C-alpha atoms as a PDB file:
ATOM      1  CA  MET A   1      -0.036   0.050   0.204  1.00  0.00           C
ATOM      2  CA  THR A   2       1.337   3.584  -1.072  1.00  0.00           C
ATOM      3  CA  ARG A   3       1.452   6.218   1.586  1.00  0.00           C
ATOM      4  CA  SER A   4      -1.307   8.148  -0.751  1.00  0.00           C
ATOM      5  CA  GLN A   5      -3.754   5.266  -0.352  1.00  0.00           C
ATOM      6  CA  LEU A   6      -3.095   5.098   3.477  1.00  0.00           C
ATOM      7  CA  LYS A   7      -3.549   8.795   3.754  1.00  0.00           C
ATOM      8  CA  ARG A   8      -6.747   8.567   1.313  1.00  0.00           C
ATOM      9  CA  LEU A   9      -8.272   5.937   4.155  1.00  0.00           C
ATOM     10  CA  ILE A  10      -7.545   8.308   6.821  1.00  0.00           C
ATOM     11  CA  ASP A  11      -9.226  11.019   5.545  1.00  0.00           C
ATOM     12  CA  GLU A  12     -12.113   9.150   4.774  1.00  0.00           C
ATOM     13  CA  ASN A  13     -12.186   7.574   8.482  1.00  0.00           C
ATOM     14  CA  HIS A  14     -11.531   3.820   7.636  1.00  0.00           C
ATOM     15  CA  VAL A  15      -8.601   4.056  10.373  1.00  0.00           C
ATOM     16  CA  LEU A  16      -9.490   4.109  14.053  1.00  0.00           C
ATOM     17  CA  VAL A  17      -7.448   4.394  16.708  1.00  0.00           C
ATOM     18  CA  ASP A  18      -8.767   3.343  19.931  1.00  0.00           C
ATOM     19  CA  GLY A  19     -12.215   2.954  18.394  1.00  0.00           C
ATOM     20  CA  VAL A  20     -12.201   6.699  17.217  1.00  0.00           C
ATOM     21  CA  SER A  21     -11.288   8.239  14.180  1.00  0.00           C
ATOM     22  CA  THR A  22      -7.407   9.745  13.666  1.00  0.00           C
ATOM     23  CA  LYS A  23      -6.036  11.712  11.771  1.00  0.00           C
ATOM     24  CA  ALA A  24      -3.104  11.298   8.954  1.00  0.00           C
ATOM     25  CA  GLY A  25       0.535  12.629  11.472  1.00  0.00           C
ATOM     26  CA  GLU A  26      -1.026  11.578  14.738  1.00  0.00           C
ATOM     27  CA  LYS A  27       2.117   9.973  16.361  1.00  0.00           C
ATOM     28  CA  LEU A  28       1.026   6.756  18.486  1.00  0.00           C
ATOM     29  CA  ARG A  29       2.001   6.651  22.229  1.00  0.00           C
ATOM     30  CA  GLY A  30       2.202   2.768  22.078  1.00  0.00           C
ATOM     31  CA  GLY A  31      -0.294  -0.052  23.196  1.00  0.00           C
ATOM     32  CA  GLU A  32      -3.214   1.455  20.550  1.00  0.00           C
ATOM     33  CA  THR A  33      -5.490  -0.751  18.823  1.00  0.00           C
ATOM     34  CA  VAL A  34      -5.392   0.470  14.883  1.00  0.00           C
ATOM     35  CA  ILE A  35      -8.562  -0.816  13.063  1.00  0.00           C
ATOM     36  CA  VAL A  36      -8.395  -0.806   9.072  1.00  0.00           C
ATOM     37  CA  SER A  37     -11.462  -1.050   7.355  1.00  0.00           C
ATOM     38  CA  PHE A  38     -11.045  -1.702   3.488  1.00  0.00           C
ATOM     39  CA  PRO A  39     -13.663   0.165   1.433  1.00  0.00           C
ATOM     40  CA  GLU A  40     -15.333  -2.490  -1.107  1.00  0.00           C
ATOM     41  CA  ALA A  41     -13.840  -2.605  -4.389  1.00  0.00           C
ATOM     42  CA  VAL A  42     -15.655  -0.557  -7.034  1.00  0.00           C
ATOM     43  CA  PRO A  43     -14.951  -1.645 -10.499  1.00  0.00           C
ATOM     44  CA  SER A  44     -12.498   0.775 -12.221  1.00  0.00           C
ATOM     45  CA  GLY A  45     -14.381   1.039 -15.850  1.00  0.00           C
ATOM     46  CA  LEU A  46     -15.894   4.235 -16.259  1.00  0.00           C
ATOM     47  CA  HIS A  47     -18.626   5.006 -19.025  1.00  0.00           C
ATOM     48  CA  PRO A  48     -20.239   7.999 -19.839  1.00  0.00           C
ATOM     49  CA  GLU A  49     -23.947   8.115 -19.936  1.00  0.00           C
ATOM     50  CA  ALA A  50     -25.397  10.489 -21.484  1.00  0.00           C
ATOM     51  CA  ILE A  51     -27.378  11.984 -18.333  1.00  0.00           C
ATOM     52  CA  PRO A  52     -29.275  15.824 -18.780  1.00  0.00           C
ATOM     53  CA  LEU A  53     -27.143  18.064 -16.478  1.00  0.00           C
ATOM     54  CA  SER A  54     -28.388  21.625 -15.225  1.00  0.00           C
ATOM     55  CA  ILE A  55     -24.810  23.982 -16.031  1.00  0.00           C
ATOM     56  CA  LEU A  56     -24.776  26.887 -14.457  1.00  0.00           C
ATOM     57  CA  TYR A  57     -21.522  28.029 -15.573  1.00  0.00           C
ATOM     58  CA  GLU A  58     -18.493  26.573 -17.853  1.00  0.00           C
ATOM     59  CA  ASP A  59     -15.023  27.243 -19.093  1.00  0.00           C
ATOM     60  CA  ALA A  60     -12.419  25.621 -20.619  1.00  0.00           C
ATOM     61  CA  ASP A  61     -11.567  24.984 -16.627  1.00  0.00           C
ATOM     62  CA  LEU A  62     -14.594  24.519 -15.013  1.00  0.00           C
ATOM     63  CA  ILE A  63     -18.209  23.200 -14.901  1.00  0.00           C
ATOM     64  CA  VAL A  64     -20.533  24.114 -11.979  1.00  0.00           C
ATOM     65  CA  ILE A  65     -23.791  22.029 -11.653  1.00  0.00           C
ATOM     66  CA  ASP A  66     -27.345  22.103 -10.227  1.00  0.00           C
ATOM     67  CA  LYS A  67     -27.129  18.605  -8.660  1.00  0.00           C
ATOM     68  CA  PRO A  68     -30.552  16.938  -8.174  1.00  0.00           C
ATOM     69  CA  ALA A  69     -31.498  15.352  -5.288  1.00  0.00           C
ATOM     70  CA  GLY A  70     -30.793  11.708  -6.348  1.00  0.00           C
ATOM     71  CA  MET A  71     -27.558  11.847  -7.820  1.00  0.00           C
ATOM     72  CA  VAL A  72     -24.831  10.434  -6.489  1.00  0.00           C
ATOM     73  CA  VAL A  73     -21.650  12.448  -7.110  1.00  0.00           C
ATOM     74  CA  HIS A  74     -19.058   9.404  -8.226  1.00  0.00           C
ATOM     75  CA  PRO A  75     -19.006   5.695  -8.350  1.00  0.00           C
ATOM     76  CA  ALA A  76     -19.263   3.976  -5.225  1.00  0.00           C
ATOM     77  CA  PRO A  77     -20.497   0.473  -4.030  1.00  0.00           C
ATOM     78  CA  GLY A  78     -24.187   0.082  -4.701  1.00  0.00           C
ATOM     79  CA  HIS A  79     -23.750   3.016  -7.128  1.00  0.00           C
ATOM     80  CA  GLN A  80     -21.225   2.288 -10.338  1.00  0.00           C
ATOM     81  CA  GLY A  81     -23.403   3.982 -12.768  1.00  0.00           C
ATOM     82  CA  GLY A  82     -25.479   7.126 -13.032  1.00  0.00           C
ATOM     83  CA  THR A  83     -23.199   9.448 -10.948  1.00  0.00           C
ATOM     84  CA  LEU A  84     -22.282  13.003 -11.715  1.00  0.00           C
ATOM     85  CA  VAL A  85     -18.742  11.446 -12.836  1.00  0.00           C
ATOM     86  CA  ASN A  86     -20.674   9.801 -15.856  1.00  0.00           C
ATOM     87  CA  ALA A  87     -22.547  12.179 -17.170  1.00  0.00           C
ATOM     88  CA  LEU A  88     -19.067  14.412 -16.790  1.00  0.00           C
ATOM     89  CA  LEU A  89     -17.527  12.033 -19.039  1.00  0.00           C
ATOM     90  CA  HIS A  90     -20.024  11.823 -21.799  1.00  0.00           C
ATOM     91  CA  HIS A  91     -20.800  15.699 -21.828  1.00  0.00           C
ATOM     92  CA  CYS A  92     -16.851  17.181 -20.881  1.00  0.00           C
ATOM     93  CA  GLY A  93     -14.932  13.774 -22.732  1.00  0.00           C
ATOM     94  CA  ASP A  94     -11.881  12.422 -21.261  1.00  0.00           C
ATOM     95  CA  LEU A  95     -11.242  13.519 -17.994  1.00  0.00           C
ATOM     96  CA  SER A  96      -8.634  10.750 -17.252  1.00  0.00           C
ATOM     97  CA  GLY A  97      -5.910  11.676 -14.720  1.00  0.00           C
ATOM     98  CA  ILE A  98      -7.659  14.901 -13.601  1.00  0.00           C
ATOM     99  CA  GLY A  99      -8.377  13.746  -9.304  1.00  0.00           C
ATOM    100  CA  GLY A 100      -8.090  10.255  -9.743  1.00  0.00           C
ATOM    101  CA  GLU A 101      -9.472   7.302 -11.382  1.00  0.00           C
ATOM    102  CA  LEU A 102     -12.565   6.586  -9.520  1.00  0.00           C
ATOM    103  CA  ARG A 103     -13.439  10.690  -9.043  1.00  0.00           C
ATOM    104  CA  PRO A 104     -12.162  12.489 -12.645  1.00  0.00           C
ATOM    105  CA  GLY A 105     -12.502  16.272 -11.940  1.00  0.00           C
ATOM    106  CA  ILE A 106     -14.268  15.986  -8.518  1.00  0.00           C
ATOM    107  CA  VAL A 107     -13.206  18.809  -6.065  1.00  0.00           C
ATOM    108  CA  HIS A 108     -16.059  18.353  -3.618  1.00  0.00           C
ATOM    109  CA  ARG A 109     -19.121  16.419  -3.180  1.00  0.00           C
ATOM    110  CA  LEU A 110     -22.967  16.820  -1.979  1.00  0.00           C
ATOM    111  CA  ASP A 111     -24.748  13.910  -0.612  1.00  0.00           C
ATOM    112  CA  LYS A 112     -26.731  11.991  -3.027  1.00  0.00           C
ATOM    113  CA  ASP A 113     -29.830  12.931  -1.156  1.00  0.00           C
ATOM    114  CA  THR A 114     -28.849  17.141  -0.822  1.00  0.00           C
ATOM    115  CA  SER A 115     -29.429  19.226  -4.011  1.00  0.00           C
ATOM    116  CA  GLY A 116     -27.734  22.044  -5.208  1.00  0.00           C
ATOM    117  CA  VAL A 117     -24.846  24.089  -6.879  1.00  0.00           C
ATOM    118  CA  LEU A 118     -21.414  21.757  -7.310  1.00  0.00           C
ATOM    119  CA  VAL A 119     -18.338  22.664  -9.047  1.00  0.00           C
ATOM    120  CA  ALA A 120     -16.298  19.893 -10.639  1.00  0.00           C
ATOM    121  CA  THR A 121     -12.732  20.666 -13.027  1.00  0.00           C
ATOM    122  CA  LYS A 122     -11.446  19.877 -16.557  1.00  0.00           C
ATOM    123  CA  ASN A 123      -7.835  20.034 -16.223  1.00  0.00           C
ATOM    124  CA  GLU A 124      -5.099  19.330 -12.987  1.00  0.00           C
ATOM    125  CA  ALA A 125      -4.454  23.062 -12.796  1.00  0.00           C
ATOM    126  CA  ALA A 126      -8.554  23.824 -11.834  1.00  0.00           C
ATOM    127  CA  LEU A 127      -8.533  21.253  -9.874  1.00  0.00           C
ATOM    128  CA  ASN A 128      -5.317  21.930  -7.724  1.00  0.00           C
ATOM    129  CA  GLY A 129      -6.441  25.432  -7.419  1.00  0.00           C
ATOM    130  CA  LEU A 130      -9.796  24.653  -6.072  1.00  0.00           C
ATOM    131  CA  ALA A 131      -8.882  21.890  -3.866  1.00  0.00           C
ATOM    132  CA  ARG A 132      -6.206  24.288  -2.312  1.00  0.00           C
ATOM    133  CA  GLN A 133      -9.286  26.682  -1.645  1.00  0.00           C
ATOM    134  CA  PHE A 134     -11.335  24.208  -0.018  1.00  0.00           C
ATOM    135  CA  LYS A 135      -8.383  22.842   2.667  1.00  0.00           C
ATOM    136  CA  GLU A 136      -7.781  26.936   3.294  1.00  0.00           C
ATOM    137  CA  HIS A 137     -11.157  26.904   3.878  1.00  0.00           C
ATOM    138  CA  THR A 138     -12.126  30.045   1.742  1.00  0.00           C
ATOM    139  CA  VAL A 139     -14.941  28.940  -0.525  1.00  0.00           C
ATOM    140  CA  GLN A 140     -17.819  30.247   0.166  1.00  0.00           C
ATOM    141  CA  ARG A 141     -21.176  27.288   0.739  1.00  0.00           C
ATOM    142  CA  ARG A 142     -24.131  28.422   1.737  1.00  0.00           C
ATOM    143  CA  TYR A 143     -26.955  25.727   2.587  1.00  0.00           C
ATOM    144  CA  LEU A 144     -30.910  26.068   3.278  1.00  0.00           C
ATOM    145  CA  ALA A 145     -32.201  23.389   5.481  1.00  0.00           C
ATOM    146  CA  LEU A 146     -35.744  22.764   6.983  1.00  0.00           C
ATOM    147  CA  ILE A 147     -34.772  21.746  10.446  1.00  0.00           C
ATOM    148  CA  GLN A 148     -37.278  19.790  13.344  1.00  0.00           C
ATOM    149  CA  GLY A 149     -37.089  21.727  16.661  1.00  0.00           C
ATOM    150  CA  LEU A 150     -37.617  25.459  17.456  1.00  0.00           C
ATOM    151  CA  PRO A 151     -33.992  26.516  17.953  1.00  0.00           C
ATOM    152  CA  GLY A 152     -33.841  29.266  20.997  1.00  0.00           C
ATOM    153  CA  ASP A 153     -31.405  31.060  19.395  1.00  0.00           C
ATOM    154  CA  ASP A 154     -31.346  32.825  16.200  1.00  0.00           C
ATOM    155  CA  GLU A 155     -27.648  32.031  14.872  1.00  0.00           C
ATOM    156  CA  GLY A 156     -24.665  30.636  16.376  1.00  0.00           C
ATOM    157  CA  VAL A 157     -21.365  28.121  15.557  1.00  0.00           C
ATOM    158  CA  MET A 158     -21.186  24.118  15.842  1.00  0.00           C
ATOM    159  CA  ASP A 159     -18.057  23.550  16.517  1.00  0.00           C
ATOM    160  CA  ARG A 160     -17.412  19.840  17.204  1.00  0.00           C
ATOM    161  CA  ALA A 161     -15.041  17.363  15.921  1.00  0.00           C
ATOM    162  CA  ILE A 162     -17.096  14.574  13.755  1.00  0.00           C
ATOM    163  CA  GLY A 163     -15.888  10.747  13.270  1.00  0.00           C
ATOM    164  CA  ARG A 164     -16.739   7.544  11.871  1.00  0.00           C
ATOM    165  CA  HIS A 165     -19.648   5.820  13.944  1.00  0.00           C
ATOM    166  CA  PRO A 166     -17.940   3.459  16.355  1.00  0.00           C
ATOM    167  CA  THR A 167     -20.065   0.741  15.163  1.00  0.00           C
ATOM    168  CA  GLU A 168     -22.013   1.761  12.315  1.00  0.00           C
ATOM    169  CA  ARG A 169     -19.300   2.248   9.699  1.00  0.00           C
ATOM    170  CA  LYS A 170     -21.781   4.121   7.167  1.00  0.00           C
ATOM    171  CA  ARG A 171     -23.048   6.465   9.501  1.00  0.00           C
ATOM    172  CA  MET A 172     -20.617   9.464  11.132  1.00  0.00           C
ATOM    173  CA  ALA A 173     -20.482  11.013  14.647  1.00  0.00           C
ATOM    174  CA  LEU A 174     -19.813  13.484  16.871  1.00  0.00           C
ATOM    175  CA  VAL A 175     -17.080  13.049  19.023  1.00  0.00           C
ATOM    176  CA  THR A 176     -15.001  13.700  21.948  1.00  0.00           C
ATOM    177  CA  ARG A 177     -11.781  12.891  20.755  1.00  0.00           C
ATOM    178  CA  ALA A 178      -9.606  12.203  17.561  1.00  0.00           C
ATOM    179  CA  GLY A 179     -12.338  13.318  15.185  1.00  0.00           C
ATOM    180  CA  ARG A 180     -11.824  15.808  12.540  1.00  0.00           C
ATOM    181  CA  ARG A 181     -12.547  19.624  13.468  1.00  0.00           C
ATOM    182  CA  ALA A 182     -15.843  20.628  11.909  1.00  0.00           C
ATOM    183  CA  VAL A 183     -17.580  23.893  11.930  1.00  0.00           C
ATOM    184  CA  THR A 184     -20.977  25.117  10.753  1.00  0.00           C
ATOM    185  CA  ARG A 185     -22.438  28.794  10.935  1.00  0.00           C
ATOM    186  CA  TRP A 186     -26.163  28.650  11.148  1.00  0.00           C
ATOM    187  CA  LYS A 187     -28.870  31.583  11.633  1.00  0.00           C
ATOM    188  CA  VAL A 188     -32.563  30.921  11.899  1.00  0.00           C
ATOM    189  CA  LEU A 189     -34.819  32.410   8.583  1.00  0.00           C
ATOM    190  CA  ARG A 190     -37.967  31.743   9.949  1.00  0.00           C
ATOM    191  CA  ARG A 191     -39.667  29.970  12.739  1.00  0.00           C
ATOM    192  CA  PHE A 192     -42.800  27.578  11.940  1.00  0.00           C
ATOM    193  CA  ARG A 193     -43.934  27.379  15.597  1.00  0.00           C
ATOM    194  CA  GLU A 194     -47.553  25.815  15.136  1.00  0.00           C
ATOM    195  CA  ASP A 195     -45.773  22.616  13.367  1.00  0.00           C
ATOM    196  CA  ARG A 196     -42.313  22.901  15.224  1.00  0.00           C
ATOM    197  CA  LEU A 197     -40.372  23.384  11.973  1.00  0.00           C
ATOM    198  CA  ALA A 198     -37.773  26.072  11.149  1.00  0.00           C
ATOM    199  CA  LEU A 199     -35.743  27.501   8.054  1.00  0.00           C
ATOM    200  CA  VAL A 200     -31.987  27.778   8.827  1.00  0.00           C
ATOM    201  CA  GLU A 201     -29.384  29.221   6.900  1.00  0.00           C
ATOM    202  CA  LEU A 202     -25.801  27.350   7.282  1.00  0.00           C
ATOM    203  CA  ARG A 203     -22.396  27.945   5.877  1.00  0.00           C
ATOM    204  CA  LEU A 204     -19.820  25.628   6.028  1.00  0.00           C
ATOM    205  CA  GLU A 205     -16.236  26.643   7.253  1.00  0.00           C
ATOM    206  CA  THR A 206     -14.933  23.121   6.733  1.00  0.00           C
ATOM    207  CA  GLY A 207     -15.809  19.987   4.870  1.00  0.00           C
ATOM    208  CA  ARG A 208     -16.707  16.915   6.697  1.00  0.00           C
ATOM    209  CA  THR A 209     -18.873  13.776   5.466  1.00  0.00           C
ATOM    210  CA  HIS A 210     -22.558  14.476   6.083  1.00  0.00           C
ATOM    211  CA  GLN A 211     -21.295  17.715   8.549  1.00  0.00           C
ATOM    212  CA  ILE A 212     -24.194  20.277   8.169  1.00  0.00           C
ATOM    213  CA  ARG A 213     -26.852  16.762   9.010  1.00  0.00           C
ATOM    214  CA  VAL A 214     -24.685  15.410  11.957  1.00  0.00           C
ATOM    215  CA  HIS A 215     -24.137  18.747  13.697  1.00  0.00           C
ATOM    216  CA  LEU A 216     -27.970  19.242  13.161  1.00  0.00           C
ATOM    217  CA  ALA A 217     -29.361  16.152  14.551  1.00  0.00           C
ATOM    218  CA  GLY A 218     -26.183  16.505  17.778  1.00  0.00           C
ATOM    219  CA  ASN A 219     -27.637  20.199  18.786  1.00  0.00           C
ATOM    220  CA  GLY A 220     -31.473  17.967  18.597  1.00  0.00           C
ATOM    221  CA  PHE A 221     -32.600  19.604  15.323  1.00  0.00           C
ATOM    222  CA  PRO A 222     -32.175  17.028  12.753  1.00  0.00           C
ATOM    223  CA  VAL A 223     -32.683  17.704   9.352  1.00  0.00           C
ATOM    224  CA  ALA A 224     -36.160  17.374   8.216  1.00  0.00           C
ATOM    225  CA  GLY A 225     -37.076  13.896   6.345  1.00  0.00           C
ATOM    226  CA  ASP A 226     -33.514  12.608   7.109  1.00  0.00           C
ATOM    227  CA  PRO A 227     -33.621   9.072   6.674  1.00  0.00           C
ATOM    228  CA  VAL A 228     -30.314   8.626   8.856  1.00  0.00           C
ATOM    229  CA  TYR A 229     -30.107  11.164  11.480  1.00  0.00           C
ATOM    230  CA  GLY A 230     -33.431  12.349  11.892  1.00  0.00           C
ATOM    231  CA  HIS A 231     -35.888  11.168  14.764  1.00  0.00           C
ATOM    232  CA  LYS A 232     -37.715   7.869  13.760  1.00  0.00           C
ATOM    233  CA  GLY A 233     -41.403   8.352  13.055  1.00  0.00           C
ATOM    234  CA  TRP A 234     -41.125  12.261  12.905  1.00  0.00           C
ATOM    235  CA  LEU A 235     -44.415  12.690  10.723  1.00  0.00           C
ATOM    236  CA  LYS A 236     -46.550  10.766  12.713  1.00  0.00           C
ATOM    237  CA  GLN A 237     -46.549  13.821  15.023  1.00  0.00           C
ATOM    238  CA  VAL A 238     -47.059  16.100  12.159  1.00  0.00           C
ATOM    239  CA  ALA A 239     -50.674  17.361  12.585  1.00  0.00           C
ATOM    240  CA  ASP A 240     -51.264  19.326  10.003  1.00  0.00           C
ATOM    241  CA  GLY A 241     -52.026  16.516   7.276  1.00  0.00           C
ATOM    242  CA  HIS A 242     -51.435  18.270   4.273  1.00  0.00           C
ATOM    243  CA  LEU A 243     -48.090  19.611   5.305  1.00  0.00           C
ATOM    244  CA  ARG A 244     -47.540  16.346   6.657  1.00  0.00           C
ATOM    245  CA  GLN A 245     -48.046  14.694   2.787  1.00  0.00           C
ATOM    246  CA  LEU A 246     -45.554  17.855   1.087  1.00  0.00           C
ATOM    247  CA  LEU A 247     -43.191  16.587   3.668  1.00  0.00           C
ATOM    248  CA  PHE A 248     -43.681  12.452   2.834  1.00  0.00           C
ATOM    249  CA  ALA A 249     -43.319  13.293  -0.795  1.00  0.00           C
ATOM    250  CA  LEU A 250     -39.538  14.784   0.027  1.00  0.00           C
ATOM    251  CA  HIS A 251     -38.511  11.270   0.781  1.00  0.00           C
ATOM    252  CA  ARG A 252     -34.888  12.397   1.965  1.00  0.00           C
ATOM    253  CA  GLN A 253     -33.181  15.326   4.014  1.00  0.00           C
ATOM    254  CA  ALA A 254     -34.681  18.906   3.317  1.00  0.00           C
ATOM    255  CA  LEU A 255     -31.166  19.945   2.638  1.00  0.00           C
ATOM    256  CA  HIS A 256     -30.080  21.958  -0.389  1.00  0.00           C
ATOM    257  CA  ALA A 257     -26.566  23.700  -0.839  1.00  0.00           C
ATOM    258  CA  GLU A 258     -27.968  27.214  -2.460  1.00  0.00           C
ATOM    259  CA  ASN A 259     -24.511  29.098  -2.979  1.00  0.00           C
ATOM    260  CA  LEU A 260     -21.141  28.733  -3.755  1.00  0.00           C
ATOM    261  CA  GLY A 261     -18.253  31.124  -4.534  1.00  0.00           C
ATOM    262  CA  PHE A 262     -14.294  30.747  -4.801  1.00  0.00           C
ATOM    263  CA  ILE A 263     -11.890  32.556  -7.022  1.00  0.00           C
ATOM    264  CA  HIS A 264     -11.095  31.174 -10.732  1.00  0.00           C
ATOM    265  CA  PRO A 265      -8.006  29.297 -10.274  1.00  0.00           C
ATOM    266  CA  GLY A 266      -7.307  30.224 -13.646  1.00  0.00           C
ATOM    267  CA  ASN A 267      -7.961  34.118 -14.172  1.00  0.00           C
ATOM    268  CA  GLY A 268      -8.562  35.157 -10.752  1.00  0.00           C
ATOM    269  CA  ARG A 269     -11.659  36.358 -10.798  1.00  0.00           C
ATOM    270  CA  TYR A 270     -14.491  35.777  -8.024  1.00  0.00           C
ATOM    271  CA  LEU A 271     -17.075  33.692  -9.129  1.00  0.00           C
ATOM    272  CA  GLU A 272     -20.094  33.040  -7.436  1.00  0.00           C
ATOM    273  CA  PHE A 273     -23.230  30.899  -8.389  1.00  0.00           C
ATOM    274  CA  SER A 274     -26.780  30.372  -6.897  1.00  0.00           C
ATOM    275  CA  SER A 275     -29.947  27.331  -7.137  1.00  0.00           C
ATOM    276  CA  ALA A 276     -33.208  27.708  -5.847  1.00  0.00           C
ATOM    277  CA  PRO A 277     -34.339  24.387  -3.839  1.00  0.00           C
ATOM    278  CA  PRO A 278     -35.809  21.365  -6.101  1.00  0.00           C
ATOM    279  CA  GLU A 279     -39.522  21.381  -6.408  1.00  0.00           C
ATOM    280  CA  ASP A 280     -40.418  18.554  -3.799  1.00  0.00           C
ATOM    281  CA  MET A 281     -38.650  21.064  -1.153  1.00  0.00           C
ATOM    282  CA  MET A 282     -39.799  24.599  -2.678  1.00  0.00           C
ATOM    283  CA  ALA A 283     -43.729  22.855  -2.085  1.00  0.00           C
ATOM    284  CA  VAL A 284     -43.056  22.620   1.669  1.00  0.00           C
ATOM    285  CA  LEU A 285     -41.622  25.973   2.032  1.00  0.00           C
ATOM    286  CA  HIS A 286     -44.777  27.656  -0.214  1.00  0.00           C
ATOM    287  CA  TYR A 287     -46.781  25.867   2.087  1.00  0.00           C
ATOM    288  CA  LEU A 288     -46.204  27.418   4.980  1.00  0.00           C
ATOM    289  CA  TRP A 289     -45.376  30.959   4.052  1.00  0.00           C
ATOM    290  CA  ASP A 290     -49.060  30.502   3.107  1.00  0.00           C
ATOM    291  CA  LYS A 291     -50.194  29.086   6.265  1.00  0.00           C
ATOM    292  CA  TYR A 292     -47.985  31.542   8.237  1.00  0.00           C
ATOM    293  CA  GLN A 293     -49.333  34.742   6.049  1.00  0.00           C
ATOM    294  CA  LEU A 294     -45.167  35.719   6.004  1.00  0.00           C
ATOM    295  CA  GLU A 295     -44.365  38.288   3.263  1.00  0.00           C
ATOM    296  CA  PRO A 296     -44.352  36.535  -0.389  1.00  0.00           C
ATOM    297  CA  SER A 297     -41.683  38.891  -1.809  1.00  0.00           C
ATOM    298  CA  TRP A 298     -38.934  37.506   0.863  1.00  0.00           C
ATOM    299  CA  LEU A 299     -39.345  34.376  -0.413  1.00  0.00           C
ATOM    300  CA  ALA A 300     -39.408  35.495  -3.884  1.00  0.00           C
ATOM    301  CA  ARG A 301     -35.948  37.443  -3.155  1.00  0.00           C
ATOM    302  CA  LEU A 302     -34.225  34.388  -2.191  1.00  0.00           C
ATOM    303  CA  PHE A 303     -35.642  32.077  -4.864  1.00  0.00           C
ATOM    304  CA  GLY A 304     -37.462  33.815  -7.393  1.00  0.00           C
ATOM    305  CA  PRO A 305     -41.275  34.016  -8.495  1.00  0.00           C
ATOM    306  CA  VAL A 306     -43.853  35.019  -5.768  1.00  0.00           C
ATOM    307  CA  PRO A 307     -45.784  31.800  -5.109  1.00  0.00           C
ATOM    308  CA  ASN A 308     -48.940  30.889  -6.591  1.00  0.00           C
ATOM    309  CA  GLY A 309     -50.592  29.648  -3.667  1.00  0.00           C
ATOM    310  CA  LYS A 310     -50.175  26.024  -4.805  1.00  0.00           C
ATOM    311  CA  GLY A 311     -47.246  25.392  -3.103  1.00  0.00           C
ATOM    312  CA  THR A 312     -44.818  25.317  -6.366  1.00  0.00           C
ATOM    313  CA  ILE A 313     -42.464  27.395  -7.863  1.00  0.00           C
ATOM    314  CA  ASP A 314     -40.630  27.096 -11.274  1.00  0.00           C
ATOM    315  CA  THR A 315     -36.658  26.661 -10.124  1.00  0.00           C
ATOM    316  CA  CYS A 316     -34.295  29.419 -11.011  1.00  0.00           C
ATOM    317  CA  SER A 317     -30.563  29.497 -11.162  1.00  0.00           C
END
């Protein structure tokens, strides 16, 4: 195994020291138990697939996508086709050697069922330039989430380390030691008190796996509809029948990567892109806006046209 392969295992939380995630460069004292788990092998052949893409911006170096919920970013066990990478290979042509065999062009990720703005690269120089910005935490990332519960404060910072769950390997968890520092800034945009829901804005300073979902759930306010970190059976507690139907129709976490800003690695210009949440999430928001008789122009300023009263809106970018 090469040094870089081992570092990737550590970075992806496949190495545990005394049951908790570690980080590259951490020194062992002696006597620790080190467990290394290897992810399932994925066939190395990647094939272009004619999958439609919602493109917000494209040039010779970059492509910015409005990723739909349900799309996996790169091949992994159980998802060897139908991914964003397969779509990029069809749209951009040969991306071999850019960022790794299974992740050509990919510099950051969104969870499968998280929608929103994502940037990919077309050459090694662009990938290295953007990767440096992500590493230095200079990329601006803003998310919107509908959460369960009503935070007492209007805004705050969640600064708690995240690591692989000690027994459920597909989950992440808040850890007290040997995890990776994770920082999420949050702000309440609207509270829906009768339904015990809130719309919040979140800004990432780091980019750990499932960071927003783990931070919110760990503080008692999971993302509405989150199948992994949400409260089991929570929909049964929603008294409003129509709202319950709209939330059930999500079939996923109500989380959207609404805004992405970065310095173009080629020309040095600052670029910023936004997209509205998809129709299923907007249907919930429009219903809540009508129910609570909130000012429709505020929602329109965020996402585009004024609601038509039916809980739908045209996706804008």
